[in-house]
PDB file of N, CA and C in Angstrom:
ATOM      1  N   MET A   1     -33.284  -0.970  21.552  1.00  0.00           N
ATOM      2  CA  MET A   1     -32.031  -1.139  22.265  1.00  0.00           C
ATOM      3  C   MET A   1     -31.737  -2.626  22.490  1.00  0.00           C
ATOM      4  N   ARG A   2     -32.778  -3.381  22.768  1.00  0.00           N
ATOM      5  CA  ARG A   2     -32.598  -4.802  23.019  1.00  0.00           C
ATOM      6  C   ARG A   2     -32.097  -5.516  21.751  1.00  0.00           C
ATOM      7  N   GLY A   3     -32.645  -5.125  20.586  1.00  0.00           N
ATOM      8  CA  GLY A   3     -32.209  -5.715  19.329  1.00  0.00           C
ATOM      9  C   GLY A   3     -30.751  -5.414  19.031  1.00  0.00           C
ATOM     10  N   PHE A   4     -30.319  -4.213  19.368  1.00  0.00           N
ATOM     11  CA  PHE A   4     -28.918  -3.842  19.174  1.00  0.00           C
ATOM     12  C   PHE A   4     -28.009  -4.721  20.029  1.00  0.00           C
ATOM     13  N   LEU A   5     -28.384  -4.933  21.276  1.00  0.00           N
ATOM     14  CA  LEU A   5     -27.571  -5.757  22.170  1.00  0.00           C
ATOM     15  C   LEU A   5     -27.547  -7.216  21.732  1.00  0.00           C
ATOM     16  N   VAL A   6     -28.686  -7.717  21.248  1.00  0.00           N
ATOM     17  CA  VAL A   6     -28.724  -9.087  20.737  1.00  0.00           C
ATOM     18  C   VAL A   6     -27.815  -9.204  19.517  1.00  0.00           C
ATOM     19  N   GLY A   7     -27.858  -8.230  18.620  1.00  0.00           N
ATOM     20  CA  GLY A   7     -26.988  -8.235  17.452  1.00  0.00           C
ATOM     21  C   GLY A   7     -25.529  -8.122  17.822  1.00  0.00           C
ATOM     22  N   LEU A   8     -25.243  -7.352  18.867  1.00  0.00           N
ATOM     23  CA  LEU A   8     -23.874  -7.178  19.329  1.00  0.00           C
ATOM     24  C   LEU A   8     -23.282  -8.497  19.815  1.00  0.00           C
ATOM     25  N   VAL A   9     -24.111  -9.369  20.354  1.00  0.00           N
ATOM     26  CA  VAL A   9     -23.651 -10.679  20.808  1.00  0.00           C
ATOM     27  C   VAL A   9     -23.753 -11.710  19.690  1.00  0.00           C
ATOM     28  N   LEU A  10     -24.822 -11.656  18.904  1.00  0.00           N
ATOM     29  CA  LEU A  10     -25.086 -12.681  17.902  1.00  0.00           C
ATOM     30  C   LEU A  10     -24.101 -12.644  16.735  1.00  0.00           C
ATOM     31  N   ILE A  11     -23.741 -11.472  16.265  1.00  0.00           N
ATOM     32  CA  ILE A  11     -22.845 -11.369  15.104  1.00  0.00           C
ATOM     33  C   ILE A  11     -21.470 -11.992  15.392  1.00  0.00           C
ATOM     34  N   PRO A  12     -20.801 -11.681  16.495  1.00  0.00           N
ATOM     35  CA  PRO A  12     -19.511 -12.350  16.751  1.00  0.00           C
ATOM     36  C   PRO A  12     -19.646 -13.866  16.926  1.00  0.00           C
ATOM     37  N   VAL A  13     -20.739 -14.316  17.529  1.00  0.00           N
ATOM     38  CA  VAL A  13     -20.939 -15.758  17.702  1.00  0.00           C
ATOM     39  C   VAL A  13     -21.080 -16.445  16.350  1.00  0.00           C
ATOM     40  N   VAL A  14     -21.846 -15.861  15.450  1.00  0.00           N
ATOM     41  CA  VAL A  14     -22.017 -16.438  14.113  1.00  0.00           C
ATOM     42  C   VAL A  14     -20.703 -16.395  13.337  1.00  0.00           C
ATOM     43  N   ILE A  15     -19.966 -15.305  13.431  1.00  0.00           N
ATOM     44  CA  ILE A  15     -18.685 -15.191  12.728  1.00  0.00           C
ATOM     45  C   ILE A  15     -17.708 -16.255  13.208  1.00  0.00           C
ATOM     46  N   VAL A  16     -17.579 -16.420  14.515  1.00  0.00           N
ATOM     47  CA  VAL A  16     -16.666 -17.433  15.059  1.00  0.00           C
ATOM     48  C   VAL A  16     -17.129 -18.826  14.653  1.00  0.00           C
ATOM     49  N   GLY A  17     -18.436 -19.048  14.649  1.00  0.00           N
ATOM     50  CA  GLY A  17     -18.954 -20.352  14.240  1.00  0.00           C
ATOM     51  C   GLY A  17     -18.653 -20.673  12.788  1.00  0.00           C
ATOM     52  N   VAL A  18     -18.838 -19.720  11.905  1.00  0.00           N
ATOM     53  CA  VAL A  18     -18.575 -19.942  10.483  1.00  0.00           C
ATOM     54  C   VAL A  18     -17.079 -20.110  10.234  1.00  0.00           C
ATOM     55  N   LEU A  19     -16.254 -19.295  10.861  1.00  0.00           N
ATOM     56  CA  LEU A  19     -14.813 -19.414  10.661  1.00  0.00           C
ATOM     57  C   LEU A  19     -14.260 -20.708  11.248  1.00  0.00           C
ATOM     58  N   SER A  20     -14.885 -21.255  12.275  1.00  0.00           N
ATOM     59  CA  SER A  20     -14.432 -22.510  12.869  1.00  0.00           C
ATOM     60  C   SER A  20     -14.704 -23.687  11.951  1.00  0.00           C
ATOM     61  N   ILE A  21     -15.747 -23.607  11.156  1.00  0.00           N
ATOM     62  CA  ILE A  21     -16.117 -24.701  10.266  1.00  0.00           C
ATOM     63  C   ILE A  21     -15.169 -24.789   9.077  1.00  0.00           C
ATOM     64  N   ARG A  22     -14.667 -23.670   8.628  1.00  0.00           N
ATOM     65  CA  ARG A  22     -13.810 -23.646   7.431  1.00  0.00           C
ATOM     66  C   ARG A  22     -12.507 -24.398   7.675  1.00  0.00           C
ATOM     67  N   PRO A  23     -11.943 -24.986   6.619  1.00  0.00           N
ATOM     68  CA  PRO A  23     -10.683 -25.724   6.765  1.00  0.00           C
ATOM     69  C   PRO A  23      -9.543 -24.811   7.212  1.00  0.00           C
ATOM     70  N   GLY A  24      -8.659 -25.348   8.009  1.00  0.00           N
ATOM     71  CA  GLY A  24      -7.501 -24.593   8.457  1.00  0.00           C
ATOM     72  C   GLY A  24      -7.618 -24.139   9.898  1.00  0.00           C
ATOM     73  N   GLY A  25      -8.789 -24.226  10.474  1.00  0.00           N
ATOM     74  CA  GLY A  25      -8.956 -23.857  11.864  1.00  0.00           C
ATOM     75  C   GLY A  25      -9.220 -22.375  12.068  1.00  0.00           C
ATOM     76  N   LEU A  26      -9.656 -22.056  13.243  1.00  0.00           N
ATOM     77  CA  LEU A  26     -10.044 -20.683  13.582  1.00  0.00           C
ATOM     78  C   LEU A  26      -8.853 -19.730  13.549  1.00  0.00           C
ATOM     79  N   ARG A  27      -7.710 -20.163  14.036  1.00  0.00           N
ATOM     80  CA  ARG A  27      -6.539 -19.280  14.086  1.00  0.00           C
ATOM     81  C   ARG A  27      -6.102 -18.868  12.685  1.00  0.00           C
ATOM     82  N   ASN A  28      -6.066 -19.793  11.758  1.00  0.00           N
ATOM     83  CA  ASN A  28      -5.677 -19.490  10.384  1.00  0.00           C
ATOM     84  C   ASN A  28      -6.698 -18.560   9.724  1.00  0.00           C
ATOM     85  N   GLN A  29      -7.974 -18.794   9.962  1.00  0.00           N
ATOM     86  CA  GLN A  29      -9.008 -17.951   9.375  1.00  0.00           C
ATOM     87  C   GLN A  29      -8.945 -16.533   9.922  1.00  0.00           C
ATOM     88  N   LEU A  30      -8.712 -16.396  11.220  1.00  0.00           N
ATOM     89  CA  LEU A  30      -8.585 -15.056  11.799  1.00  0.00           C
ATOM     90  C   LEU A  30      -7.348 -14.339  11.283  1.00  0.00           C
ATOM     91  N   ARG A  31      -6.277 -15.084  11.013  1.00  0.00           N
ATOM     92  CA  ARG A  31      -5.078 -14.491  10.419  1.00  0.00           C
ATOM     93  C   ARG A  31      -5.396 -13.928   9.029  1.00  0.00           C
ATOM     94  N   ASN A  32      -6.200 -14.689   8.256  1.00  0.00           N
ATOM     95  CA  ASN A  32      -6.606 -14.206   6.940  1.00  0.00           C
ATOM     96  C   ASN A  32      -7.493 -12.971   7.043  1.00  0.00           C
ATOM     97  N   VAL A  33      -8.378 -12.950   8.032  1.00  0.00           N
ATOM     98  CA  VAL A  33      -9.259 -11.798   8.226  1.00  0.00           C
ATOM     99  C   VAL A  33      -8.437 -10.553   8.549  1.00  0.00           C
ATOM    100  N   VAL A  34      -7.461 -10.690   9.425  1.00  0.00           N
ATOM    101  CA  VAL A  34      -6.615  -9.552   9.801  1.00  0.00           C
ATOM    102  C   VAL A  34      -5.817  -9.054   8.596  1.00  0.00           C
ATOM    103  N   ARG A  35      -5.301  -9.981   7.803  1.00  0.00           N
ATOM    104  CA  ARG A  35      -4.530  -9.598   6.617  1.00  0.00           C
ATOM    105  C   ARG A  35      -5.400  -8.832   5.628  1.00  0.00           C
ATOM    106  N   ARG A  36      -6.637  -9.297   5.434  1.00  0.00           N
ATOM    107  CA  ARG A  36      -7.548  -8.613   4.509  1.00  0.00           C
ATOM    108  C   ARG A  36      -7.991  -7.261   5.052  1.00  0.00           C
ATOM    109  N   LEU A  37      -8.182  -7.167   6.360  1.00  0.00           N
ATOM    110  CA  LEU A  37      -8.563  -5.886   6.949  1.00  0.00           C
ATOM    111  C   LEU A  37      -7.449  -4.858   6.784  1.00  0.00           C
ATOM    112  N   LYS A  38      -6.202  -5.264   7.005  1.00  0.00           N
ATOM    113  CA  LYS A  38      -5.066  -4.350   6.807  1.00  0.00           C
ATOM    114  C   LYS A  38      -5.003  -3.879   5.360  1.00  0.00           C
ATOM    115  N   LEU A  39      -5.192  -4.816   4.435  1.00  0.00           N
ATOM    116  CA  LEU A  39      -5.170  -4.467   3.018  1.00  0.00           C
ATOM    117  C   LEU A  39      -6.295  -3.499   2.665  1.00  0.00           C
ATOM    118  N   ALA A  40      -7.477  -3.738   3.221  1.00  0.00           N
ATOM    119  CA  ALA A  40      -8.611  -2.856   2.948  1.00  0.00           C
ATOM    120  C   ALA A  40      -8.379  -1.456   3.508  1.00  0.00           C
ATOM    121  N   ILE A  41      -7.789  -1.362   4.674  1.00  0.00           N
ATOM    122  CA  ILE A  41      -7.509  -0.053   5.268  1.00  0.00           C
ATOM    123  C   ILE A  41      -6.467   0.703   4.436  1.00  0.00           C
ATOM    124  N   ILE A  42      -5.428   0.007   4.002  1.00  0.00           N
ATOM    125  CA  ILE A  42      -4.396   0.651   3.185  1.00  0.00           C
ATOM    126  C   ILE A  42      -4.977   1.129   1.863  1.00  0.00           C
ATOM    127  N   LEU A  43      -5.743   0.264   1.184  1.00  0.00           N
ATOM    128  CA  LEU A  43      -6.331   0.645  -0.099  1.00  0.00           C
ATOM    129  C   LEU A  43      -7.377   1.742   0.071  1.00  0.00           C
ATOM    130  N   GLY A  44      -8.070   1.760   1.192  1.00  0.00           N
ATOM    131  CA  GLY A  44      -9.009   2.848   1.472  1.00  0.00           C
ATOM    132  C   GLY A  44      -8.293   4.180   1.619  1.00  0.00           C
ATOM    133  N   GLY A  45      -7.143   4.162   2.283  1.00  0.00           N
ATOM    134  CA  GLY A  45      -6.346   5.377   2.399  1.00  0.00           C
ATOM    135  C   GLY A  45      -5.816   5.853   1.058  1.00  0.00           C
ATOM    136  N   VAL A  46      -5.398   4.903   0.226  1.00  0.00           N
ATOM    137  CA  VAL A  46      -4.935   5.261  -1.121  1.00  0.00           C
ATOM    138  C   VAL A  46      -6.074   5.888  -1.911  1.00  0.00           C
ATOM    139  N   TYR A  47      -7.284   5.325  -1.779  1.00  0.00           N
ATOM    140  CA  TYR A  47      -8.443   5.873  -2.489  1.00  0.00           C
ATOM    141  C   TYR A  47      -8.750   7.298  -2.022  1.00  0.00           C
ATOM    142  N   LEU A  48      -8.694   7.516  -0.713  1.00  0.00           N
ATOM    143  CA  LEU A  48      -8.957   8.862  -0.198  1.00  0.00           C
ATOM    144  C   LEU A  48      -7.944   9.871  -0.713  1.00  0.00           C
ATOM    145  N   LEU A  49      -6.678   9.497  -0.704  1.00  0.00           N
ATOM    146  CA  LEU A  49      -5.643  10.412  -1.219  1.00  0.00           C
ATOM    147  C   LEU A  49      -5.824  10.674  -2.711  1.00  0.00           C
ATOM    148  N   ALA A  50      -6.097   9.619  -3.473  1.00  0.00           N
ATOM    149  CA  ALA A  50      -6.248   9.784  -4.918  1.00  0.00           C
ATOM    150  C   ALA A  50      -7.482  10.598  -5.260  1.00  0.00           C
ATOM    151  N   SER A  51      -8.604  10.313  -4.604  1.00  0.00           N
ATOM    152  CA  SER A  51      -9.819  11.052  -4.926  1.00  0.00           C
ATOM    153  C   SER A  51      -9.720  12.516  -4.496  1.00  0.00           C
ATOM    154  N   THR A  52      -9.052  12.768  -3.372  1.00  0.00           N
ATOM    155  CA  THR A  52      -8.873  14.152  -2.934  1.00  0.00           C
ATOM    156  C   THR A  52      -7.994  14.929  -3.907  1.00  0.00           C
ATOM    157  N   SER A  53      -6.894  14.311  -4.329  1.00  0.00           N
ATOM    158  CA  SER A  53      -6.018  15.012  -5.271  1.00  0.00           C
ATOM    159  C   SER A  53      -6.694  15.209  -6.625  1.00  0.00           C
ATOM    160  N   LEU A  54      -7.496  14.255  -7.062  1.00  0.00           N
ATOM    161  CA  LEU A  54      -8.230  14.422  -8.319  1.00  0.00           C
ATOM    162  C   LEU A  54      -9.246  15.552  -8.215  1.00  0.00           C
ATOM    163  N   ARG A  55      -9.933  15.635  -7.084  1.00  0.00           N
ATOM    164  CA  ARG A  55     -10.914  16.714  -6.893  1.00  0.00           C
ATOM    165  C   ARG A  55     -10.239  18.082  -6.845  1.00  0.00           C
ATOM    166  N   LEU A  56      -9.076  18.144  -6.245  1.00  0.00           N
ATOM    167  CA  LEU A  56      -8.371  19.425  -6.194  1.00  0.00           C
ATOM    168  C   LEU A  56      -7.807  19.816  -7.550  1.00  0.00           C
ATOM    169  N   TYR A  57      -7.355  18.833  -8.313  1.00  0.00           N
ATOM    170  CA  TYR A  57      -6.736  19.120  -9.604  1.00  0.00           C
ATOM    171  C   TYR A  57      -7.768  19.451 -10.677  1.00  0.00           C
ATOM    172  N   PHE A  58      -8.853  18.683 -10.735  1.00  0.00           N
ATOM    173  CA  PHE A  58      -9.854  18.883 -11.781  1.00  0.00           C
ATOM    174  C   PHE A  58     -11.038  19.738 -11.343  1.00  0.00           C
ATOM    175  N   ARG A  59     -11.092  20.114 -10.077  1.00  0.00           N
ATOM    176  CA  ARG A  59     -12.157  20.948  -9.493  1.00  0.00           C
ATOM    177  C   ARG A  59     -13.536  20.312  -9.628  1.00  0.00           C
ATOM    178  N   ALA A  60     -14.118  20.336 -10.813  1.00  0.00           N
ATOM    179  CA  ALA A  60     -15.458  19.767 -11.001  1.00  0.00           C
ATOM    180  C   ALA A  60     -15.570  19.301 -12.438  1.00  0.00           C
ATOM    181  N   GLY A  61     -16.506  18.442 -12.657  1.00  0.00           N
ATOM    182  CA  GLY A  61     -16.740  18.006 -14.020  1.00  0.00           C
ATOM    183  C   GLY A  61     -16.706  16.504 -14.166  1.00  0.00           C
ATOM    184  N   LEU A  62     -16.921  16.094 -15.368  1.00  0.00           N
ATOM    185  CA  LEU A  62     -17.013  14.679 -15.680  1.00  0.00           C
ATOM    186  C   LEU A  62     -15.658  13.989 -15.573  1.00  0.00           C
ATOM    187  N   THR A  63     -14.594  14.682 -15.838  1.00  0.00           N
ATOM    188  CA  THR A  63     -13.260  14.087 -15.780  1.00  0.00           C
ATOM    189  C   THR A  63     -12.937  13.596 -14.373  1.00  0.00           C
ATOM    190  N   ALA A  64     -13.256  14.392 -13.380  1.00  0.00           N
ATOM    191  CA  ALA A  64     -12.998  14.000 -11.994  1.00  0.00           C
ATOM    192  C   ALA A  64     -13.838  12.795 -11.604  1.00  0.00           C
ATOM    193  N   GLU A  65     -15.070  12.747 -12.054  1.00  0.00           N
ATOM    194  CA  GLU A  65     -15.950  11.620 -11.732  1.00  0.00           C
ATOM    195  C   GLU A  65     -15.431  10.327 -12.352  1.00  0.00           C
ATOM    196  N   ILE A  66     -15.053  10.382 -13.619  1.00  0.00           N
ATOM    197  CA  ILE A  66     -14.574   9.182 -14.304  1.00  0.00           C
ATOM    198  C   ILE A  66     -13.242   8.720 -13.724  1.00  0.00           C
ATOM    199  N   ALA A  67     -12.361   9.649 -13.437  1.00  0.00           N
ATOM    200  CA  ALA A  67     -11.054   9.288 -12.869  1.00  0.00           C
ATOM    201  C   ALA A  67     -11.209   8.673 -11.482  1.00  0.00           C
ATOM    202  N   THR A  68     -12.115   9.200 -10.673  1.00  0.00           N
ATOM    203  CA  THR A  68     -12.348   8.636  -9.344  1.00  0.00           C
ATOM    204  C   THR A  68     -12.916   7.231  -9.440  1.00  0.00           C
ATOM    205  N   ALA A  69     -13.835   7.019 -10.364  1.00  0.00           N
ATOM    206  CA  ALA A  69     -14.392   5.678 -10.562  1.00  0.00           C
ATOM    207  C   ALA A  69     -13.323   4.713 -11.065  1.00  0.00           C
ATOM    208  N   ALA A  70     -12.452   5.176 -11.937  1.00  0.00           N
ATOM    209  CA  ALA A  70     -11.379   4.328 -12.447  1.00  0.00           C
ATOM    210  C   ALA A  70     -10.413   3.933 -11.327  1.00  0.00           C
ATOM    211  N   VAL A  71     -10.100   4.863 -10.449  1.00  0.00           N
ATOM    212  CA  VAL A  71      -9.232   4.557  -9.306  1.00  0.00           C
ATOM    213  C   VAL A  71      -9.905   3.510  -8.419  1.00  0.00           C
ATOM    214  N   ALA A  72     -11.194   3.646  -8.195  1.00  0.00           N
ATOM    215  CA  ALA A  72     -11.919   2.679  -7.372  1.00  0.00           C
ATOM    216  C   ALA A  72     -11.896   1.291  -7.995  1.00  0.00           C
ATOM    217  N   VAL A  73     -12.074   1.201  -9.290  1.00  0.00           N
ATOM    218  CA  VAL A  73     -12.059  -0.102  -9.969  1.00  0.00           C
ATOM    219  C   VAL A  73     -10.673  -0.741  -9.885  1.00  0.00           C
ATOM    220  N   VAL A  74      -9.636   0.048 -10.109  1.00  0.00           N
ATOM    221  CA  VAL A  74      -8.267  -0.477 -10.037  1.00  0.00           C
ATOM    222  C   VAL A  74      -7.960  -0.973  -8.629  1.00  0.00           C
ATOM    223  N   LEU A  75      -8.341  -0.220  -7.612  1.00  0.00           N
ATOM    224  CA  LEU A  75      -8.090  -0.638  -6.236  1.00  0.00           C
ATOM    225  C   LEU A  75      -8.905  -1.873  -5.869  1.00  0.00           C
ATOM    226  N   ALA A  76     -10.115  -2.005  -6.393  1.00  0.00           N
ATOM    227  CA  ALA A  76     -10.931  -3.196  -6.144  1.00  0.00           C
ATOM    228  C   ALA A  76     -10.283  -4.436  -6.755  1.00  0.00           C
ATOM    229  N   VAL A  77      -9.734  -4.292  -7.951  1.00  0.00           N
ATOM    230  CA  VAL A  77      -9.044  -5.422  -8.586  1.00  0.00           C
ATOM    231  C   VAL A  77      -7.795  -5.795  -7.791  1.00  0.00           C
ATOM    232  N   ILE A  78      -7.073  -4.802  -7.322  1.00  0.00           N
ATOM    233  CA  ILE A  78      -5.890  -5.072  -6.497  1.00  0.00           C
ATOM    234  C   ILE A  78      -6.300  -5.822  -5.235  1.00  0.00           C
ATOM    235  N   PHE A  79      -7.398  -5.420  -4.616  1.00  0.00           N
ATOM    236  CA  PHE A  79      -7.858  -6.113  -3.411  1.00  0.00           C
ATOM    237  C   PHE A  79      -8.229  -7.554  -3.725  1.00  0.00           C
ATOM    238  N   LEU A  80      -8.936  -7.778  -4.823  1.00  0.00           N
ATOM    239  CA  LEU A  80      -9.348  -9.142  -5.169  1.00  0.00           C
ATOM    240  C   LEU A  80      -8.150 -10.048  -5.443  1.00  0.00           C
ATOM    241  N   VAL A  81      -7.110  -9.503  -6.027  1.00  0.00           N
ATOM    242  CA  VAL A  81      -5.930 -10.309  -6.322  1.00  0.00           C
ATOM    243  C   VAL A  81      -5.111 -10.557  -5.052  1.00  0.00           C
ATOM    244  N   ARG A  82      -4.889  -9.524  -4.272  1.00  0.00           N
ATOM    245  CA  ARG A  82      -4.032  -9.640  -3.080  1.00  0.00           C
ATOM    246  C   ARG A  82      -4.704 -10.313  -1.888  1.00  0.00           C
ATOM    247  N   ALA A  83      -6.046 -10.330  -1.841  1.00  0.00           N
ATOM    248  CA  ALA A  83      -6.752 -10.854  -0.676  1.00  0.00           C
ATOM    249  C   ALA A  83      -7.043 -12.355  -0.770  1.00  0.00           C
ATOM    250  N   GLN A  84      -6.581 -12.987  -1.825  1.00  0.00           N
ATOM    251  CA  GLN A  84      -6.826 -14.421  -1.952  1.00  0.00           C
ATOM    252  C   GLN A  84      -6.060 -15.180  -0.874  1.00  0.00           C
ATOM    253  N   GLU A  85      -6.624 -16.336  -0.495  1.00  0.00           N
ATOM    254  CA  GLU A  85      -5.971 -17.150   0.518  1.00  0.00           C
ATOM    255  C   GLU A  85      -4.672 -17.713  -0.029  1.00  0.00           C
ATOM    256  N   SER A  86      -3.684 -17.789   0.835  1.00  0.00           N
ATOM    257  CA  SER A  86      -2.404 -18.333   0.416  1.00  0.00           C
ATOM    258  C   SER A  86      -2.508 -19.852   0.280  1.00  0.00           C
ATOM    259  N   ALA A  87      -1.703 -20.402  -0.597  1.00  0.00           N
ATOM    260  CA  ALA A  87      -1.705 -21.853  -0.802  1.00  0.00           C
ATOM    261  C   ALA A  87      -1.118 -22.537   0.429  1.00  0.00           C
ATOM    262  N   LEU A  88      -1.740 -23.631   0.800  1.00  0.00           N
ATOM    263  CA  LEU A  88      -1.268 -24.355   1.992  1.00  0.00           C
ATOM    264  C   LEU A  88      -0.133 -25.264   1.688  1.00  0.00           C
TER     265      LEU A  88
END
Protein backbone atom coordinates (compact mmCIF):
# COMPACT_ATOMS: atom_id res chain seq x y z
CA MET A 1 0.00 0.00 0.00
CA ARG A 2 2.85 2.35 0.81
CA GLY A 3 4.42 1.77 -2.63
CA PHE A 4 1.13 2.59 -4.31
CA LEU A 5 0.86 5.88 -2.43
CA VAL A 6 4.47 6.79 -3.23
CA GLY A 7 3.80 6.06 -6.91
CA LEU A 8 0.61 8.09 -6.77
CA VAL A 9 2.65 11.12 -5.71
CA LEU A 10 5.88 10.40 -7.60
CA ILE A 11 4.42 9.88 -11.10
CA PRO A 12 2.69 13.31 -11.33
CA VAL A 13 5.80 15.02 -9.92
CA VAL A 14 8.03 13.38 -12.54
CA ILE A 15 5.55 14.16 -15.34
CA VAL A 16 5.33 17.84 -14.38
CA GLY A 17 9.12 17.99 -14.07
CA VAL A 18 9.72 16.50 -17.51
CA LEU A 19 7.06 18.64 -19.18
CA SER A 20 8.48 21.78 -17.55
CA ILE A 21 11.91 21.14 -19.07
CA ARG A 22 10.61 20.83 -22.63
CA PRO A 23 10.53 23.95 -24.82
CA GLY A 24 7.30 25.90 -24.87
CA GLY A 25 6.57 25.80 -21.16
CA LEU A 26 4.31 23.67 -19.02
CA ARG A 27 1.04 25.19 -20.26
CA ASN A 28 1.81 24.44 -23.91
CA GLN A 29 2.93 20.89 -23.10
CA LEU A 30 -0.22 20.19 -21.10
CA ARG A 31 -2.29 21.53 -24.00
CA ASN A 32 -0.55 19.01 -26.27
CA VAL A 33 -1.18 16.22 -23.77
CA VAL A 34 -4.90 17.04 -23.62
CA ARG A 35 -5.13 17.17 -27.41
CA ARG A 36 -3.45 13.76 -27.73
CA LEU A 37 -5.64 12.26 -25.02
CA LYS A 38 -8.80 13.43 -26.80
CA LEU A 39 -7.51 11.97 -30.06
CA ALA A 40 -6.67 8.67 -28.37
CA ILE A 41 -10.12 8.42 -26.80
CA ILE A 42 -11.85 9.15 -30.12
CA LEU A 43 -9.71 6.63 -32.02
CA GLY A 44 -10.26 4.07 -29.27
CA GLY A 45 -14.00 4.46 -29.68
CA VAL A 46 -13.68 4.08 -33.44
CA TYR A 47 -11.66 0.89 -32.89
CA LEU A 48 -14.29 -0.53 -30.54
CA LEU A 49 -17.09 0.18 -33.00
CA ALA A 50 -15.15 -1.23 -35.95
CA SER A 51 -13.99 -4.36 -34.15
CA THR A 52 -17.47 -5.03 -32.78
CA SER A 53 -19.09 -4.68 -36.18
CA LEU A 54 -16.43 -6.89 -37.77
CA ARG A 55 -16.99 -9.57 -35.14
CA LEU A 56 -20.73 -9.46 -35.68
CA TYR A 57 -20.44 -9.54 -39.46
CA PHE A 58 -17.76 -12.23 -39.84
CA ARG A 59 -18.64 -14.18 -36.64
CA ALA A 60 -15.36 -16.10 -36.38
CA GLY A 61 -12.37 -16.93 -38.44
CA LEU A 62 -9.21 -15.55 -39.86
CA THR A 63 -10.95 -12.79 -41.81
CA ALA A 64 -12.19 -11.10 -38.65
CA GLU A 65 -8.74 -11.31 -37.05
CA ILE A 66 -6.95 -9.82 -40.05
CA ALA A 67 -9.54 -7.07 -40.52
CA THR A 68 -9.35 -6.10 -36.84
CA ALA A 69 -5.56 -5.93 -37.00
CA ALA A 70 -5.76 -3.83 -40.17
CA VAL A 71 -8.14 -1.39 -38.48
CA ALA A 72 -5.74 -1.12 -35.54
CA VAL A 73 -2.79 -0.38 -37.83
CA VAL A 74 -4.72 2.28 -39.76
CA LEU A 75 -5.86 3.97 -36.55
CA ALA A 76 -2.29 3.88 -35.16
CA VAL A 77 -1.00 5.61 -38.29
CA ILE A 78 -3.75 8.22 -38.01
CA PHE A 79 -2.75 8.84 -34.39
CA LEU A 80 0.93 9.20 -35.29
CA VAL A 81 0.14 11.72 -38.01
CA ARG A 82 -2.46 13.76 -36.10
CA ALA A 83 -0.67 13.75 -32.71
CA GLN A 84 2.43 15.56 -33.91
CA GLU A 85 3.22 18.88 -32.28
CA SER A 86 2.04 21.91 -34.16
CA ALA A 87 4.63 24.21 -35.68
CA LEU A 88 5.40 27.23 -33.55
